[in-house]
Amino acid sequence: RENSSENILSSANRLLLHEGRLMLAESTRLLDVYLFLFDDFLLITKIKRNKKKYGGPDTSLIPVFPSLTPELQSFIREGGLCTVLDQPIPLDRLIVKNIEPV
């Protein structure tokens, strides 16, 4: 979908502080997500795994950037991808709380 804010992720001044997998509790189910914590917002992406083992594009030809974590690099090479789950959450509107494990 075309969006007027398509350059939201391309700021030259933005820093990636941390990234990693997480299980997100969404009402009655758990969702496998990959988080990107930038210095100005949190981006939550949904992990999609490639269900086809054969017949897809040659994943060895997909460029992988050295700045990505090894976990994310191998995930991409296996045909997985991350799609944005919702709008980025600005850090000035984010509250982080410790909760007890379920």
N, C-alpha and C. Protein backbone atom coordinates (compact mmCIF):
# COMPACT_ATOMS: atom_id res chain seq x y z
N ARG A 1 0.84 -1.17 0.00
CA ARG A 1 0.00 0.00 0.00
C ARG A 1 0.88 1.23 0.00
N GLU A 2 0.57 2.15 -0.88
CA GLU A 2 1.35 3.38 -0.92
C GLU A 2 1.01 4.23 0.29
N ASN A 3 2.03 4.90 0.80
CA ASN A 3 1.85 5.69 2.00
C ASN A 3 2.68 6.95 1.87
N SER A 4 2.13 8.07 2.29
CA SER A 4 2.86 9.33 2.18
C SER A 4 4.07 9.37 3.12
N SER A 5 4.10 8.51 4.12
CA SER A 5 5.24 8.47 5.05
C SER A 5 6.16 7.29 4.72
N GLU A 6 6.34 7.00 3.45
CA GLU A 6 7.13 5.83 3.05
C GLU A 6 8.59 5.93 3.44
N ASN A 7 9.11 7.13 3.72
CA ASN A 7 10.51 7.30 4.08
C ASN A 7 10.75 7.29 5.58
N ILE A 8 9.78 6.83 6.36
CA ILE A 8 9.89 6.86 7.82
C ILE A 8 11.10 6.06 8.33
N LEU A 9 11.48 5.01 7.62
CA LEU A 9 12.59 4.17 8.07
C LEU A 9 13.94 4.58 7.49
N SER A 10 13.96 5.60 6.63
CA SER A 10 15.20 5.91 5.92
C SER A 10 15.94 7.12 6.46
N SER A 11 15.69 7.55 7.66
CA SER A 11 16.39 8.69 8.23
C SER A 11 17.87 8.38 8.40
N ALA A 12 18.71 9.29 7.93
CA ALA A 12 20.16 9.10 8.05
C ALA A 12 20.63 9.27 9.49
N ASN A 13 19.83 9.93 10.32
CA ASN A 13 20.23 10.20 11.70
C ASN A 13 19.74 9.16 12.69
N ARG A 14 18.94 8.20 12.25
CA ARG A 14 18.35 7.20 13.13
C ARG A 14 19.37 6.12 13.48
N LEU A 15 19.37 5.70 14.74
CA LEU A 15 20.27 4.65 15.20
C LEU A 15 19.48 3.44 15.65
N LEU A 16 19.92 2.26 15.24
CA LEU A 16 19.34 1.01 15.71
C LEU A 16 20.04 0.65 17.01
N LEU A 17 19.27 0.61 18.11
CA LEU A 17 19.85 0.34 19.43
C LEU A 17 19.85 -1.14 19.76
N HIS A 18 18.78 -1.84 19.38
CA HIS A 18 18.66 -3.26 19.70
C HIS A 18 17.63 -3.91 18.79
N GLU A 19 17.76 -5.20 18.57
CA GLU A 19 16.78 -5.95 17.80
C GLU A 19 16.73 -7.37 18.32
N GLY A 20 15.60 -8.04 18.11
CA GLY A 20 15.51 -9.42 18.55
C GLY A 20 14.09 -9.96 18.50
N ARG A 21 14.00 -11.28 18.65
CA ARG A 21 12.71 -11.98 18.63
C ARG A 21 12.03 -11.88 19.98
N LEU A 22 10.70 -11.98 19.90
CA LEU A 22 9.88 -11.89 21.10
C LEU A 22 8.55 -12.58 20.82
N MET A 23 7.95 -13.13 21.86
CA MET A 23 6.58 -13.65 21.75
C MET A 23 5.66 -12.58 22.27
N LEU A 24 4.72 -12.16 21.44
CA LEU A 24 3.78 -11.11 21.79
C LEU A 24 2.44 -11.75 22.14
N ALA A 25 1.93 -11.44 23.33
CA ALA A 25 0.63 -11.96 23.75
C ALA A 25 -0.44 -11.07 23.15
N GLU A 26 -1.21 -11.64 22.23
CA GLU A 26 -2.26 -10.90 21.54
C GLU A 26 -3.59 -11.56 21.84
N SER A 27 -4.36 -11.01 22.71
CA SER A 27 -5.64 -11.52 23.21
C SER A 27 -5.53 -13.00 23.57
N THR A 28 -5.93 -13.92 22.69
CA THR A 28 -5.97 -15.34 23.05
C THR A 28 -4.84 -16.17 22.41
N ARG A 29 -3.90 -15.51 21.74
CA ARG A 29 -2.83 -16.28 21.08
C ARG A 29 -1.49 -15.59 21.24
N LEU A 30 -0.43 -16.36 21.02
CA LEU A 30 0.93 -15.83 21.05
C LEU A 30 1.39 -15.61 19.61
N LEU A 31 2.05 -14.49 19.38
CA LEU A 31 2.50 -14.13 18.05
C LEU A 31 4.01 -14.00 18.05
N ASP A 32 4.68 -14.66 17.10
CA ASP A 32 6.13 -14.61 16.96
C ASP A 32 6.48 -13.30 16.24
N VAL A 33 7.17 -12.38 16.94
CA VAL A 33 7.49 -11.08 16.36
C VAL A 33 8.99 -10.83 16.43
N TYR A 34 9.44 -9.86 15.63
CA TYR A 34 10.82 -9.41 15.66
C TYR A 34 10.79 -7.91 15.87
N LEU A 35 11.46 -7.44 16.93
CA LEU A 35 11.43 -6.03 17.31
C LEU A 35 12.69 -5.32 16.85
N PHE A 36 12.52 -4.07 16.44
CA PHE A 36 13.63 -3.18 16.12
C PHE A 36 13.48 -1.95 17.00
N LEU A 37 14.42 -1.74 17.93
CA LEU A 37 14.39 -0.58 18.81
C LEU A 37 15.35 0.46 18.26
N PHE A 38 14.80 1.53 17.74
CA PHE A 38 15.61 2.64 17.25
C PHE A 38 15.68 3.70 18.34
N ASP A 39 16.47 4.73 18.13
CA ASP A 39 16.61 5.77 19.14
C ASP A 39 15.39 6.69 19.23
N ASP A 40 14.44 6.54 18.30
CA ASP A 40 13.25 7.39 18.36
C ASP A 40 11.93 6.62 18.32
N PHE A 41 11.94 5.35 17.94
CA PHE A 41 10.71 4.56 17.97
C PHE A 41 10.99 3.07 18.04
N LEU A 42 9.94 2.31 18.36
CA LEU A 42 9.98 0.86 18.40
C LEU A 42 9.15 0.34 17.23
N LEU A 43 9.74 -0.53 16.44
CA LEU A 43 9.06 -1.12 15.29
C LEU A 43 8.83 -2.60 15.56
N ILE A 44 7.57 -3.03 15.49
CA ILE A 44 7.22 -4.44 15.71
C ILE A 44 6.86 -5.06 14.37
N THR A 45 7.56 -6.14 14.03
CA THR A 45 7.28 -6.82 12.77
C THR A 45 6.83 -8.25 13.05
N LYS A 46 6.00 -8.77 12.18
CA LYS A 46 5.51 -10.14 12.28
C LYS A 46 6.44 -11.03 11.47
N ILE A 47 6.85 -12.14 12.05
CA ILE A 47 7.74 -13.07 11.38
C ILE A 47 6.92 -14.01 10.51
N LYS A 48 7.29 -14.06 9.24
CA LYS A 48 6.64 -14.99 8.31
C LYS A 48 7.69 -15.96 7.80
N ARG A 49 7.41 -17.23 7.98
CA ARG A 49 8.34 -18.26 7.52
C ARG A 49 7.93 -18.75 6.15
N ASN A 50 8.92 -19.08 5.33
CA ASN A 50 8.65 -19.63 4.01
C ASN A 50 8.22 -21.08 4.18
N LYS A 51 7.01 -21.40 3.78
CA LYS A 51 6.50 -22.76 3.95
C LYS A 51 6.97 -23.69 2.84
N LYS A 52 7.37 -23.12 1.70
CA LYS A 52 7.86 -23.94 0.58
C LYS A 52 9.36 -24.13 0.72
N LYS A 53 9.81 -25.36 0.61
CA LYS A 53 11.24 -25.63 0.68
C LYS A 53 11.88 -25.60 -0.70
N TYR A 54 11.09 -25.86 -1.73
CA TYR A 54 11.62 -25.93 -3.08
C TYR A 54 10.78 -25.06 -4.01
N GLY A 55 11.37 -24.69 -5.12
CA GLY A 55 10.63 -23.96 -6.14
C GLY A 55 10.61 -22.47 -5.94
N GLY A 56 11.18 -21.97 -4.87
CA GLY A 56 11.22 -20.54 -4.63
C GLY A 56 12.48 -19.93 -5.21
N PRO A 57 12.68 -18.64 -5.00
CA PRO A 57 13.87 -17.99 -5.52
C PRO A 57 15.12 -18.52 -4.82
N ASP A 58 16.27 -18.38 -5.48
CA ASP A 58 17.53 -18.82 -4.90
C ASP A 58 17.92 -17.87 -3.79
N THR A 59 17.75 -18.29 -2.54
CA THR A 59 17.99 -17.40 -1.41
C THR A 59 19.47 -17.12 -1.20
N SER A 60 20.37 -17.86 -1.82
CA SER A 60 21.79 -17.57 -1.69
C SER A 60 22.15 -16.29 -2.43
N LEU A 61 21.27 -15.85 -3.35
CA LEU A 61 21.53 -14.62 -4.10
C LEU A 61 20.97 -13.38 -3.40
N ILE A 62 20.22 -13.57 -2.32
CA ILE A 62 19.64 -12.44 -1.60
C ILE A 62 20.75 -11.74 -0.82
N PRO A 63 20.92 -10.42 -1.05
CA PRO A 63 21.98 -9.73 -0.30
C PRO A 63 21.64 -9.65 1.18
N VAL A 64 22.60 -9.93 2.03
CA VAL A 64 22.40 -9.83 3.47
C VAL A 64 23.41 -8.81 3.99
N PHE A 65 22.93 -7.87 4.76
CA PHE A 65 23.77 -6.80 5.25
C PHE A 65 24.49 -7.23 6.51
N PRO A 66 25.79 -6.94 6.61
CA PRO A 66 26.56 -7.38 7.79
C PRO A 66 26.08 -6.75 9.08
N SER A 67 25.32 -5.65 9.01
CA SER A 67 24.84 -5.00 10.23
C SER A 67 23.70 -5.78 10.88
N LEU A 68 23.08 -6.72 10.15
CA LEU A 68 22.01 -7.53 10.72
C LEU A 68 22.58 -8.59 11.64
N THR A 69 21.81 -8.97 12.64
CA THR A 69 22.26 -10.02 13.54
C THR A 69 22.35 -11.35 12.79
N PRO A 70 23.22 -12.26 13.22
CA PRO A 70 23.31 -13.57 12.55
C PRO A 70 21.96 -14.30 12.52
N GLU A 71 21.16 -14.14 13.59
CA GLU A 71 19.84 -14.78 13.65
C GLU A 71 18.96 -14.28 12.50
N LEU A 72 18.93 -12.97 12.29
CA LEU A 72 18.10 -12.40 11.24
C LEU A 72 18.65 -12.72 9.86
N GLN A 73 19.97 -12.75 9.70
CA GLN A 73 20.58 -13.12 8.43
C GLN A 73 20.19 -14.54 8.02
N SER A 74 20.28 -15.50 8.95
CA SER A 74 19.94 -16.88 8.61
C SER A 74 18.45 -17.02 8.34
N PHE A 75 17.64 -16.28 9.07
CA PHE A 75 16.19 -16.30 8.85
C PHE A 75 15.85 -15.83 7.44
N ILE A 76 16.49 -14.76 6.99
CA ILE A 76 16.26 -14.23 5.64
C ILE A 76 16.75 -15.23 4.59
N ARG A 77 17.91 -15.84 4.82
CA ARG A 77 18.44 -16.82 3.87
C ARG A 77 17.53 -18.03 3.72
N GLU A 78 16.78 -18.36 4.79
CA GLU A 78 15.84 -19.49 4.75
C GLU A 78 14.53 -19.11 4.09
N GLY A 79 14.43 -17.88 3.60
CA GLY A 79 13.22 -17.45 2.90
C GLY A 79 12.22 -16.75 3.78
N GLY A 80 12.56 -16.49 5.03
CA GLY A 80 11.65 -15.79 5.92
C GLY A 80 11.67 -14.30 5.67
N LEU A 81 10.63 -13.64 6.15
CA LEU A 81 10.60 -12.19 6.05
C LEU A 81 9.83 -11.61 7.21
N CYS A 82 10.06 -10.32 7.43
CA CYS A 82 9.38 -9.60 8.50
C CYS A 82 8.50 -8.53 7.88
N THR A 83 7.24 -8.52 8.25
CA THR A 83 6.33 -7.49 7.77
C THR A 83 5.90 -6.63 8.96
N VAL A 84 5.78 -5.34 8.72
CA VAL A 84 5.43 -4.42 9.79
C VAL A 84 4.05 -4.75 10.31
N LEU A 85 3.95 -4.96 11.62
CA LEU A 85 2.70 -5.36 12.25
C LEU A 85 1.76 -4.17 12.46
N ASP A 86 2.32 -3.06 12.87
CA ASP A 86 1.51 -1.88 13.15
C ASP A 86 2.40 -0.65 13.00
N GLN A 87 1.84 0.52 13.20
CA GLN A 87 2.63 1.74 13.10
C GLN A 87 3.74 1.74 14.13
N PRO A 88 4.91 2.33 13.79
CA PRO A 88 5.98 2.44 14.79
C PRO A 88 5.49 3.19 16.02
N ILE A 89 6.01 2.80 17.18
CA ILE A 89 5.61 3.42 18.44
C ILE A 89 6.70 4.41 18.86
N PRO A 90 6.39 5.71 18.88
CA PRO A 90 7.39 6.69 19.32
C PRO A 90 7.80 6.42 20.76
N LEU A 91 9.09 6.54 21.06
CA LEU A 91 9.58 6.23 22.39
C LEU A 91 9.02 7.17 23.46
N ASP A 92 8.65 8.39 23.08
CA ASP A 92 8.08 9.29 24.07
C ASP A 92 6.65 8.92 24.45
N ARG A 93 6.07 7.93 23.76
CA ARG A 93 4.73 7.45 24.08
C ARG A 93 4.75 6.00 24.59
N LEU A 94 5.93 5.46 24.81
CA LEU A 94 6.09 4.06 25.19
C LEU A 94 6.37 3.95 26.68
N ILE A 95 5.64 3.06 27.34
CA ILE A 95 5.86 2.77 28.75
C ILE A 95 6.24 1.30 28.86
N VAL A 96 7.35 1.02 29.50
CA VAL A 96 7.83 -0.35 29.66
C VAL A 96 7.65 -0.76 31.11
N LYS A 97 7.02 -1.94 31.32
CA LYS A 97 6.79 -2.45 32.66
C LYS A 97 7.25 -3.89 32.73
N ASN A 98 7.80 -4.27 33.87
CA ASN A 98 8.12 -5.67 34.12
C ASN A 98 6.84 -6.38 34.54
N ILE A 99 6.61 -7.57 33.97
CA ILE A 99 5.46 -8.36 34.37
C ILE A 99 5.94 -9.76 34.70
N GLU A 100 5.14 -10.47 35.45
CA GLU A 100 5.48 -11.84 35.81
C GLU A 100 5.25 -12.74 34.61
N PRO A 101 6.12 -13.74 34.37
CA PRO A 101 5.90 -14.68 33.26
C PRO A 101 4.59 -15.43 33.44
N VAL A 102 3.93 -15.72 32.31
CA VAL A 102 2.67 -16.44 32.34
C VAL A 102 2.93 -17.92 32.50
